[in-house]
Amino acid sequence: MLHWTSKCLTQVLTTPEAKLQDKSINYPDFKDIKGQKIAKRALEIVASKWYNLLMFGPPGTSKSSLAGYIPSILSKMSIQEILECSTITSIAGKLLLMH
């Protein structure tokens, strides 16, 4: 974003909040899952308390598909929470830098 001050053109830096709000990822919508009542309830409990989840079963029983819906029901993180998670990830040496 550019901004005029006096007689010169200066660049105004956007805040981290604005950058984060601009980025939205479209995850599969949880309400699109048909049936799977018990599995859906388990996912809701896991997402509400940020628990871990282990799914097992024979191939083709939608384990990976159901896991793909979890981000759509997770609560949104605040800026402070995002910074804390990023800090921990960075200290652990697992931060992936995107350019």
N, C-alpha and C. Protein backbone atom coordinates (compact mmCIF):
# COMPACT_ATOMS: atom_id res chain seq x y z
N MET A 1 0.85 -1.16 0.00
CA MET A 1 0.00 0.00 0.00
C MET A 1 0.90 1.23 0.00
N LEU A 2 0.57 2.20 -0.80
CA LEU A 2 1.35 3.43 -0.87
C LEU A 2 0.55 4.58 -0.27
N HIS A 3 1.26 5.51 0.33
CA HIS A 3 0.60 6.62 1.01
C HIS A 3 1.37 7.90 0.74
N TRP A 4 0.65 8.98 0.43
CA TRP A 4 1.30 10.28 0.18
C TRP A 4 1.52 11.02 1.48
N THR A 5 2.74 11.47 1.73
CA THR A 5 3.04 12.35 2.85
C THR A 5 3.87 13.50 2.32
N SER A 6 3.45 14.69 2.64
CA SER A 6 4.12 15.90 2.14
C SER A 6 4.27 15.81 0.63
N LYS A 7 5.50 15.84 0.16
CA LYS A 7 5.73 15.78 -1.28
C LYS A 7 6.37 14.48 -1.72
N CYS A 8 6.42 13.52 -0.81
CA CYS A 8 7.05 12.26 -1.19
C CYS A 8 6.07 11.11 -1.00
N LEU A 9 6.32 10.08 -1.72
CA LEU A 9 5.49 8.89 -1.66
C LEU A 9 6.19 7.87 -0.75
N THR A 10 5.51 7.46 0.29
CA THR A 10 6.11 6.48 1.21
C THR A 10 5.26 5.23 1.23
N GLN A 11 5.88 4.15 1.58
CA GLN A 11 5.17 2.88 1.65
C GLN A 11 4.72 2.65 3.09
N VAL A 12 3.45 2.35 3.24
CA VAL A 12 2.90 2.07 4.56
C VAL A 12 2.89 0.56 4.74
N LEU A 13 3.45 0.10 5.83
CA LEU A 13 3.49 -1.33 6.09
C LEU A 13 2.16 -1.77 6.66
N THR A 14 1.68 -2.90 6.20
CA THR A 14 0.43 -3.42 6.73
C THR A 14 0.72 -4.15 8.03
N THR A 15 -0.26 -4.17 8.91
CA THR A 15 -0.10 -4.84 10.20
C THR A 15 -0.22 -6.35 10.00
N PRO A 16 0.35 -7.13 10.91
CA PRO A 16 0.22 -8.58 10.81
C PRO A 16 -1.24 -9.03 10.83
N GLU A 17 -2.08 -8.33 11.60
CA GLU A 17 -3.49 -8.70 11.67
C GLU A 17 -4.14 -8.61 10.30
N ALA A 18 -3.85 -7.55 9.58
CA ALA A 18 -4.44 -7.37 8.26
C ALA A 18 -3.98 -8.47 7.31
N LYS A 19 -2.71 -8.83 7.38
CA LYS A 19 -2.19 -9.88 6.50
C LYS A 19 -2.85 -11.21 6.82
N LEU A 20 -3.03 -11.50 8.12
CA LEU A 20 -3.62 -12.77 8.50
C LEU A 20 -5.09 -12.84 8.10
N GLN A 21 -5.80 -11.74 8.19
CA GLN A 21 -7.21 -11.74 7.84
C GLN A 21 -7.41 -11.90 6.33
N ASP A 22 -6.45 -11.46 5.53
CA ASP A 22 -6.57 -11.56 4.09
C ASP A 22 -6.43 -12.99 3.60
N LYS A 23 -5.69 -13.80 4.34
CA LYS A 23 -5.44 -15.17 3.92
C LYS A 23 -6.54 -16.07 4.47
N SER A 24 -7.34 -16.60 3.61
CA SER A 24 -8.36 -17.55 4.04
C SER A 24 -8.22 -18.80 3.19
N ILE A 25 -8.22 -19.92 3.87
CA ILE A 25 -8.09 -21.20 3.20
C ILE A 25 -9.47 -21.85 3.23
N ASN A 26 -9.90 -22.35 2.11
CA ASN A 26 -11.20 -23.00 2.05
C ASN A 26 -11.03 -24.49 2.35
N TYR A 27 -11.39 -24.87 3.57
CA TYR A 27 -11.35 -26.27 3.96
C TYR A 27 -12.69 -26.90 3.62
N PRO A 28 -12.72 -28.23 3.47
CA PRO A 28 -14.01 -28.89 3.26
C PRO A 28 -14.94 -28.57 4.44
N ASP A 29 -16.20 -28.34 4.16
CA ASP A 29 -17.15 -27.95 5.21
C ASP A 29 -17.65 -29.18 5.96
N PHE A 30 -17.58 -29.11 7.27
CA PHE A 30 -17.95 -30.22 8.15
C PHE A 30 -19.40 -30.65 7.92
N LYS A 31 -20.27 -29.71 7.60
CA LYS A 31 -21.68 -30.05 7.42
C LYS A 31 -21.93 -30.89 6.17
N ASP A 32 -20.93 -31.03 5.31
CA ASP A 32 -21.07 -31.84 4.10
C ASP A 32 -20.91 -33.33 4.36
N ILE A 33 -20.50 -33.71 5.56
CA ILE A 33 -20.33 -35.13 5.88
C ILE A 33 -21.72 -35.74 6.07
N LYS A 34 -22.00 -36.79 5.33
CA LYS A 34 -23.28 -37.49 5.42
C LYS A 34 -23.08 -38.76 6.24
N GLY A 35 -23.99 -38.99 7.18
CA GLY A 35 -23.88 -40.17 8.03
C GLY A 35 -22.72 -40.02 9.01
N GLN A 36 -22.06 -41.11 9.31
CA GLN A 36 -20.87 -41.11 10.18
C GLN A 36 -21.13 -40.40 11.52
N LYS A 37 -22.29 -40.64 12.13
CA LYS A 37 -22.69 -39.91 13.34
C LYS A 37 -21.66 -40.02 14.46
N ILE A 38 -21.19 -41.22 14.73
CA ILE A 38 -20.23 -41.42 15.83
C ILE A 38 -18.89 -40.77 15.50
N ALA A 39 -18.44 -40.93 14.27
CA ALA A 39 -17.16 -40.32 13.87
C ALA A 39 -17.24 -38.80 13.92
N LYS A 40 -18.37 -38.23 13.48
CA LYS A 40 -18.54 -36.77 13.52
C LYS A 40 -18.52 -36.26 14.97
N ARG A 41 -19.16 -36.99 15.86
CA ARG A 41 -19.17 -36.59 17.27
C ARG A 41 -17.76 -36.64 17.84
N ALA A 42 -17.00 -37.66 17.50
CA ALA A 42 -15.61 -37.76 17.97
C ALA A 42 -14.79 -36.59 17.46
N LEU A 43 -14.96 -36.21 16.20
CA LEU A 43 -14.23 -35.07 15.64
C LEU A 43 -14.61 -33.77 16.35
N GLU A 44 -15.89 -33.60 16.67
CA GLU A 44 -16.33 -32.39 17.38
C GLU A 44 -15.68 -32.29 18.75
N ILE A 45 -15.61 -33.40 19.47
CA ILE A 45 -14.98 -33.41 20.80
C ILE A 45 -13.50 -33.10 20.69
N VAL A 46 -12.82 -33.73 19.74
CA VAL A 46 -11.39 -33.50 19.52
C VAL A 46 -11.13 -32.03 19.20
N ALA A 47 -11.92 -31.46 18.31
CA ALA A 47 -11.71 -30.07 17.89
C ALA A 47 -12.03 -29.08 19.01
N SER A 48 -13.03 -29.38 19.82
CA SER A 48 -13.42 -28.42 20.86
C SER A 48 -12.38 -28.30 21.97
N LYS A 49 -11.65 -29.36 22.24
CA LYS A 49 -10.66 -29.35 23.33
C LYS A 49 -9.23 -29.48 22.84
N TRP A 50 -9.01 -29.45 21.52
CA TRP A 50 -7.68 -29.60 20.92
C TRP A 50 -7.00 -30.90 21.37
N TYR A 51 -7.79 -31.98 21.46
CA TYR A 51 -7.24 -33.29 21.81
C TYR A 51 -6.56 -33.91 20.59
N ASN A 52 -5.81 -34.97 20.83
CA ASN A 52 -5.25 -35.76 19.74
C ASN A 52 -6.27 -36.83 19.35
N LEU A 53 -6.15 -37.32 18.14
CA LEU A 53 -7.09 -38.32 17.65
C LEU A 53 -6.33 -39.38 16.87
N LEU A 54 -6.61 -40.63 17.17
CA LEU A 54 -6.03 -41.75 16.43
C LEU A 54 -7.18 -42.50 15.78
N MET A 55 -7.18 -42.55 14.47
CA MET A 55 -8.22 -43.29 13.75
C MET A 55 -7.58 -44.51 13.12
N PHE A 56 -8.22 -45.65 13.27
CA PHE A 56 -7.71 -46.86 12.64
C PHE A 56 -8.88 -47.66 12.08
N GLY A 57 -8.59 -48.45 11.10
CA GLY A 57 -9.61 -49.26 10.45
C GLY A 57 -9.11 -49.71 9.10
N PRO A 58 -9.91 -50.52 8.44
CA PRO A 58 -9.49 -51.02 7.13
C PRO A 58 -9.42 -49.90 6.10
N PRO A 59 -8.66 -50.10 5.04
CA PRO A 59 -8.57 -49.09 3.98
C PRO A 59 -9.96 -48.79 3.40
N GLY A 60 -10.16 -47.52 3.06
CA GLY A 60 -11.41 -47.14 2.41
C GLY A 60 -12.55 -46.80 3.35
N THR A 61 -12.26 -46.63 4.64
CA THR A 61 -13.33 -46.30 5.59
C THR A 61 -13.37 -44.81 5.92
N SER A 62 -12.80 -43.98 5.08
CA SER A 62 -12.87 -42.51 5.15
C SER A 62 -12.10 -41.88 6.30
N LYS A 63 -11.08 -42.55 6.80
CA LYS A 63 -10.29 -41.96 7.89
C LYS A 63 -9.62 -40.66 7.44
N SER A 64 -8.92 -40.70 6.33
CA SER A 64 -8.23 -39.50 5.84
C SER A 64 -9.22 -38.43 5.41
N SER A 65 -10.31 -38.84 4.81
CA SER A 65 -11.33 -37.89 4.38
C SER A 65 -11.91 -37.15 5.58
N LEU A 66 -12.26 -37.87 6.62
CA LEU A 66 -12.80 -37.24 7.83
C LEU A 66 -11.78 -36.31 8.48
N ALA A 67 -10.52 -36.72 8.50
CA ALA A 67 -9.47 -35.88 9.09
C ALA A 67 -9.35 -34.55 8.34
N GLY A 68 -9.63 -34.55 7.06
CA GLY A 68 -9.57 -33.33 6.26
C GLY A 68 -10.61 -32.29 6.64
N TYR A 69 -11.65 -32.71 7.34
CA TYR A 69 -12.71 -31.79 7.76
C TYR A 69 -12.42 -31.11 9.09
N ILE A 70 -11.45 -31.60 9.84
CA ILE A 70 -11.17 -31.05 11.17
C ILE A 70 -10.85 -29.55 11.15
N PRO A 71 -10.02 -29.04 10.24
CA PRO A 71 -9.72 -27.60 10.27
C PRO A 71 -10.95 -26.70 10.16
N SER A 72 -12.01 -27.18 9.51
CA SER A 72 -13.19 -26.33 9.34
C SER A 72 -13.98 -26.16 10.63
N ILE A 73 -13.75 -27.02 11.63
CA ILE A 73 -14.48 -26.87 12.89
C ILE A 73 -13.60 -26.42 14.05
N LEU A 74 -12.31 -26.23 13.81
CA LEU A 74 -11.43 -25.71 14.86
C LEU A 74 -11.73 -24.24 15.11
N SER A 75 -11.60 -23.82 16.35
CA SER A 75 -11.80 -22.40 16.65
C SER A 75 -10.65 -21.59 16.05
N LYS A 76 -10.94 -20.36 15.68
CA LYS A 76 -9.92 -19.49 15.09
C LYS A 76 -8.93 -19.07 16.17
N MET A 77 -7.66 -19.01 15.81
CA MET A 77 -6.62 -18.62 16.76
C MET A 77 -6.48 -17.10 16.78
N SER A 78 -6.22 -16.57 17.97
CA SER A 78 -5.97 -15.14 18.08
C SER A 78 -4.55 -14.85 17.59
N ILE A 79 -4.25 -13.58 17.40
CA ILE A 79 -2.91 -13.19 16.96
C ILE A 79 -1.87 -13.66 17.98
N GLN A 80 -2.18 -13.52 19.26
CA GLN A 80 -1.26 -13.94 20.32
C GLN A 80 -1.01 -15.45 20.25
N GLU A 81 -2.06 -16.23 20.04
CA GLU A 81 -1.91 -17.68 19.94
C GLU A 81 -1.08 -18.07 18.72
N ILE A 82 -1.29 -17.37 17.62
CA ILE A 82 -0.52 -17.65 16.41
C ILE A 82 0.96 -17.36 16.64
N LEU A 83 1.26 -16.24 17.31
CA LEU A 83 2.65 -15.90 17.59
C LEU A 83 3.29 -16.91 18.54
N GLU A 84 2.54 -17.35 19.56
CA GLU A 84 3.07 -18.34 20.50
C GLU A 84 3.38 -19.66 19.78
N CYS A 85 2.47 -20.12 18.95
CA CYS A 85 2.70 -21.37 18.21
C CYS A 85 3.88 -21.24 17.26
N SER A 86 3.97 -20.10 16.61
CA SER A 86 5.08 -19.85 15.69
C SER A 86 6.41 -19.83 16.44
N THR A 87 6.42 -19.22 17.62
CA THR A 87 7.64 -19.16 18.43
C THR A 87 8.09 -20.55 18.84
N ILE A 88 7.15 -21.36 19.32
CA ILE A 88 7.48 -22.73 19.74
C ILE A 88 8.00 -23.54 18.56
N THR A 89 7.34 -23.41 17.42
CA THR A 89 7.76 -24.13 16.22
C THR A 89 9.15 -23.69 15.78
N SER A 90 9.41 -22.39 15.88
CA SER A 90 10.72 -21.86 15.49
C SER A 90 11.82 -22.36 16.42
N ILE A 91 11.56 -22.34 17.72
CA ILE A 91 12.55 -22.82 18.69
C ILE A 91 12.85 -24.30 18.47
N ALA A 92 11.83 -25.06 18.10
CA ALA A 92 12.02 -26.49 17.84
C ALA A 92 12.73 -26.75 16.52
N GLY A 93 12.94 -25.69 15.74
CA GLY A 93 13.63 -25.83 14.46
C GLY A 93 12.77 -26.41 13.36
N LYS A 94 11.45 -26.29 13.50
CA LYS A 94 10.54 -26.88 12.52
C LYS A 94 9.73 -25.84 11.76
N LEU A 95 10.13 -24.59 11.86
CA LEU A 95 9.40 -23.52 11.19
C LEU A 95 9.72 -23.53 9.70
N LEU A 96 8.69 -23.63 8.88
CA LEU A 96 8.86 -23.60 7.43
C LEU A 96 8.67 -22.17 6.96
N LEU A 97 9.68 -21.61 6.34
CA LEU A 97 9.59 -20.25 5.85
C LEU A 97 9.04 -20.26 4.44
N MET A 98 7.98 -19.49 4.22
CA MET A 98 7.37 -19.38 2.90
C MET A 98 7.83 -18.08 2.26
N HIS A 99 8.26 -18.14 1.04
CA HIS A 99 8.70 -16.93 0.33
C HIS A 99 7.75 -16.64 -0.79
